[in-house]
Amino acid sequence: MTPDEARELVAYAAQYHITVIPEQESFGHLHHLLKFEQFSSLGETPHGSVLAPGEAVTLPLISSWFTELAKVFPAPYAHIGADENR
């Protein structure tokens, strides 16, 4: 979904008093991202599915994702995933 499509969905939902709450995985379930060489070093294992929280760029990367979401979704909440048991 593009940002413009998301904005359109948010506007449509607002007509019906519905708040769209975005969901973005924050550490795990990121195998589609970590399969790319440019991101693979951020995983706990190469080409794995979980970001390594100790990597210096991990938290700024996650922060940038949620900053972008906040520009599109005006909801006071966001679903951060974070269902990993560690």
C-alpha atoms as a PDB file:
ATOM      1  CA  MET A   1       0.000   0.000   0.000  1.00  0.00           C
ATOM      2  CA  THR A   2       1.409   3.367  -0.954  1.00  0.00           C
ATOM      3  CA  PRO A   3       1.240   6.351   1.413  1.00  0.00           C
ATOM      4  CA  ASP A   4      -1.354   7.994  -0.835  1.00  0.00           C
ATOM      5  CA  GLU A   5      -3.511   4.840  -0.813  1.00  0.00           C
ATOM      6  CA  ALA A   6      -3.225   4.718   2.980  1.00  0.00           C
ATOM      7  CA  ARG A   7      -4.266   8.373   3.271  1.00  0.00           C
ATOM      8  CA  GLU A   8      -7.269   7.636   1.066  1.00  0.00           C
ATOM      9  CA  LEU A   9      -8.222   4.693   3.299  1.00  0.00           C
ATOM     10  CA  VAL A  10      -7.833   6.814   6.452  1.00  0.00           C
ATOM     11  CA  ALA A  11     -10.025   9.555   4.979  1.00  0.00           C
ATOM     12  CA  TYR A  12     -12.657   7.053   3.871  1.00  0.00           C
ATOM     13  CA  ALA A  13     -12.719   5.357   7.277  1.00  0.00           C
ATOM     14  CA  ALA A  14     -12.984   8.706   9.064  1.00  0.00           C
ATOM     15  CA  GLN A  15     -16.303   9.342   7.284  1.00  0.00           C
ATOM     16  CA  TYR A  16     -17.642   6.385   9.260  1.00  0.00           C
ATOM     17  CA  HIS A  17     -15.935   7.368  12.542  1.00  0.00           C
ATOM     18  CA  ILE A  18     -13.389   4.581  12.170  1.00  0.00           C
ATOM     19  CA  THR A  19      -9.764   5.088  13.162  1.00  0.00           C
ATOM     20  CA  VAL A  20      -7.280   3.088  11.135  1.00  0.00           C
ATOM     21  CA  ILE A  21      -4.437   1.874  13.351  1.00  0.00           C
ATOM     22  CA  PRO A  22      -1.320   0.901  11.406  1.00  0.00           C
ATOM     23  CA  GLU A  23       0.658  -2.237  12.174  1.00  0.00           C
ATOM     24  CA  GLN A  24       4.403  -2.367  11.601  1.00  0.00           C
ATOM     25  CA  GLU A  25       6.597  -5.163  12.845  1.00  0.00           C
ATOM     26  CA  SER A  26       9.398  -3.713  14.890  1.00  0.00           C
ATOM     27  CA  PHE A  27      11.881  -6.538  15.456  1.00  0.00           C
ATOM     28  CA  GLY A  28      10.623  -9.869  14.166  1.00  0.00           C
ATOM     29  CA  HIS A  29       8.798 -11.224  11.142  1.00  0.00           C
ATOM     30  CA  LEU A  30      11.104  -9.156   8.943  1.00  0.00           C
ATOM     31  CA  HIS A  31      12.412 -11.936   6.707  1.00  0.00           C
ATOM     32  CA  HIS A  32      11.200 -10.042   3.625  1.00  0.00           C
ATOM     33  CA  LEU A  33      13.444  -7.115   4.595  1.00  0.00           C
ATOM     34  CA  LEU A  34      16.423  -9.096   5.877  1.00  0.00           C
ATOM     35  CA  LYS A  35      16.680 -11.189   2.722  1.00  0.00           C
ATOM     36  CA  PHE A  36      18.251  -8.183   0.983  1.00  0.00           C
ATOM     37  CA  GLU A  37      22.030  -7.830   1.326  1.00  0.00           C
ATOM     38  CA  GLN A  38      21.794  -4.176   2.379  1.00  0.00           C
ATOM     39  CA  PHE A  39      19.786  -5.188   5.464  1.00  0.00           C
ATOM     40  CA  SER A  40      21.005  -8.743   6.154  1.00  0.00           C
ATOM     41  CA  SER A  41      23.696  -7.602   8.596  1.00  0.00           C
ATOM     42  CA  LEU A  42      20.980  -6.101  10.817  1.00  0.00           C
ATOM     43  CA  GLY A  43      19.534  -9.525  11.591  1.00  0.00           C
ATOM     44  CA  GLU A  44      20.372 -11.720  14.535  1.00  0.00           C
ATOM     45  CA  THR A  45      21.431 -14.204  11.874  1.00  0.00           C
ATOM     46  CA  PRO A  46      22.289 -13.491   8.211  1.00  0.00           C
ATOM     47  CA  HIS A  47      19.100 -13.320   6.160  1.00  0.00           C
ATOM     48  CA  GLY A  48      17.120 -14.230   9.277  1.00  0.00           C
ATOM     49  CA  SER A  49      13.771 -12.821  10.366  1.00  0.00           C
ATOM     50  CA  VAL A  50      14.573 -10.876  13.548  1.00  0.00           C
ATOM     51  CA  LEU A  51      16.433  -7.561  13.789  1.00  0.00           C
ATOM     52  CA  ALA A  52      19.342  -7.522  16.222  1.00  0.00           C
ATOM     53  CA  PRO A  53      18.482  -4.849  18.801  1.00  0.00           C
ATOM     54  CA  GLY A  54      22.163  -4.348  19.651  1.00  0.00           C
ATOM     55  CA  GLU A  55      23.081  -3.160  16.150  1.00  0.00           C
ATOM     56  CA  ALA A  56      23.651   0.607  16.156  1.00  0.00           C
ATOM     57  CA  VAL A  57      21.363   1.255  13.188  1.00  0.00           C
ATOM     58  CA  THR A  58      18.457  -0.921  14.310  1.00  0.00           C
ATOM     59  CA  LEU A  59      16.662   1.543  16.585  1.00  0.00           C
ATOM     60  CA  PRO A  60      17.084   4.520  14.215  1.00  0.00           C
ATOM     61  CA  LEU A  61      15.727   2.333  11.395  1.00  0.00           C
ATOM     62  CA  ILE A  62      12.663   1.329  13.415  1.00  0.00           C
ATOM     63  CA  SER A  63      12.181   4.936  14.494  1.00  0.00           C
ATOM     64  CA  SER A  64      12.189   6.051  10.859  1.00  0.00           C
ATOM     65  CA  TRP A  65       9.473   3.492  10.023  1.00  0.00           C
ATOM     66  CA  PHE A  66       7.184   4.765  12.747  1.00  0.00           C
ATOM     67  CA  THR A  67       7.919   8.390  11.867  1.00  0.00           C
ATOM     68  CA  GLU A  68       6.795   7.680   8.307  1.00  0.00           C
ATOM     69  CA  LEU A  69       3.667   5.861   9.529  1.00  0.00           C
ATOM     70  CA  ALA A  70       2.759   8.777  11.787  1.00  0.00           C
ATOM     71  CA  LYS A  71       2.786  11.098   8.774  1.00  0.00           C
ATOM     72  CA  VAL A  72       0.129   8.974   7.078  1.00  0.00           C
ATOM     73  CA  PHE A  73      -1.937   7.605   9.972  1.00  0.00           C
ATOM     74  CA  PRO A  74      -3.142  10.258  12.438  1.00  0.00           C
ATOM     75  CA  ALA A  75      -4.297   7.623  14.944  1.00  0.00           C
ATOM     76  CA  PRO A  76      -3.006   8.068  18.493  1.00  0.00           C
ATOM     77  CA  TYR A  77      -1.856   4.435  18.447  1.00  0.00           C
ATOM     78  CA  ALA A  78       0.269   2.090  16.347  1.00  0.00           C
ATOM     79  CA  HIS A  79       0.589  -1.669  16.562  1.00  0.00           C
ATOM     80  CA  ILE A  80       4.317  -2.455  16.880  1.00  0.00           C
ATOM     81  CA  GLY A  81       4.192  -6.213  16.480  1.00  0.00           C
ATOM     82  CA  ALA A  82       6.748  -7.194  19.115  1.00  0.00           C
ATOM     83  CA  ASP A  83       5.318 -10.624  19.784  1.00  0.00           C
ATOM     84  CA  GLU A  84       8.738 -12.258  19.931  1.00  0.00           C
ATOM     85  CA  ASN A  85       9.437 -14.200  23.118  1.00  0.00           C
ATOM     86  CA  ARG A  86      12.972 -13.268  24.001  1.00  0.00           C
END
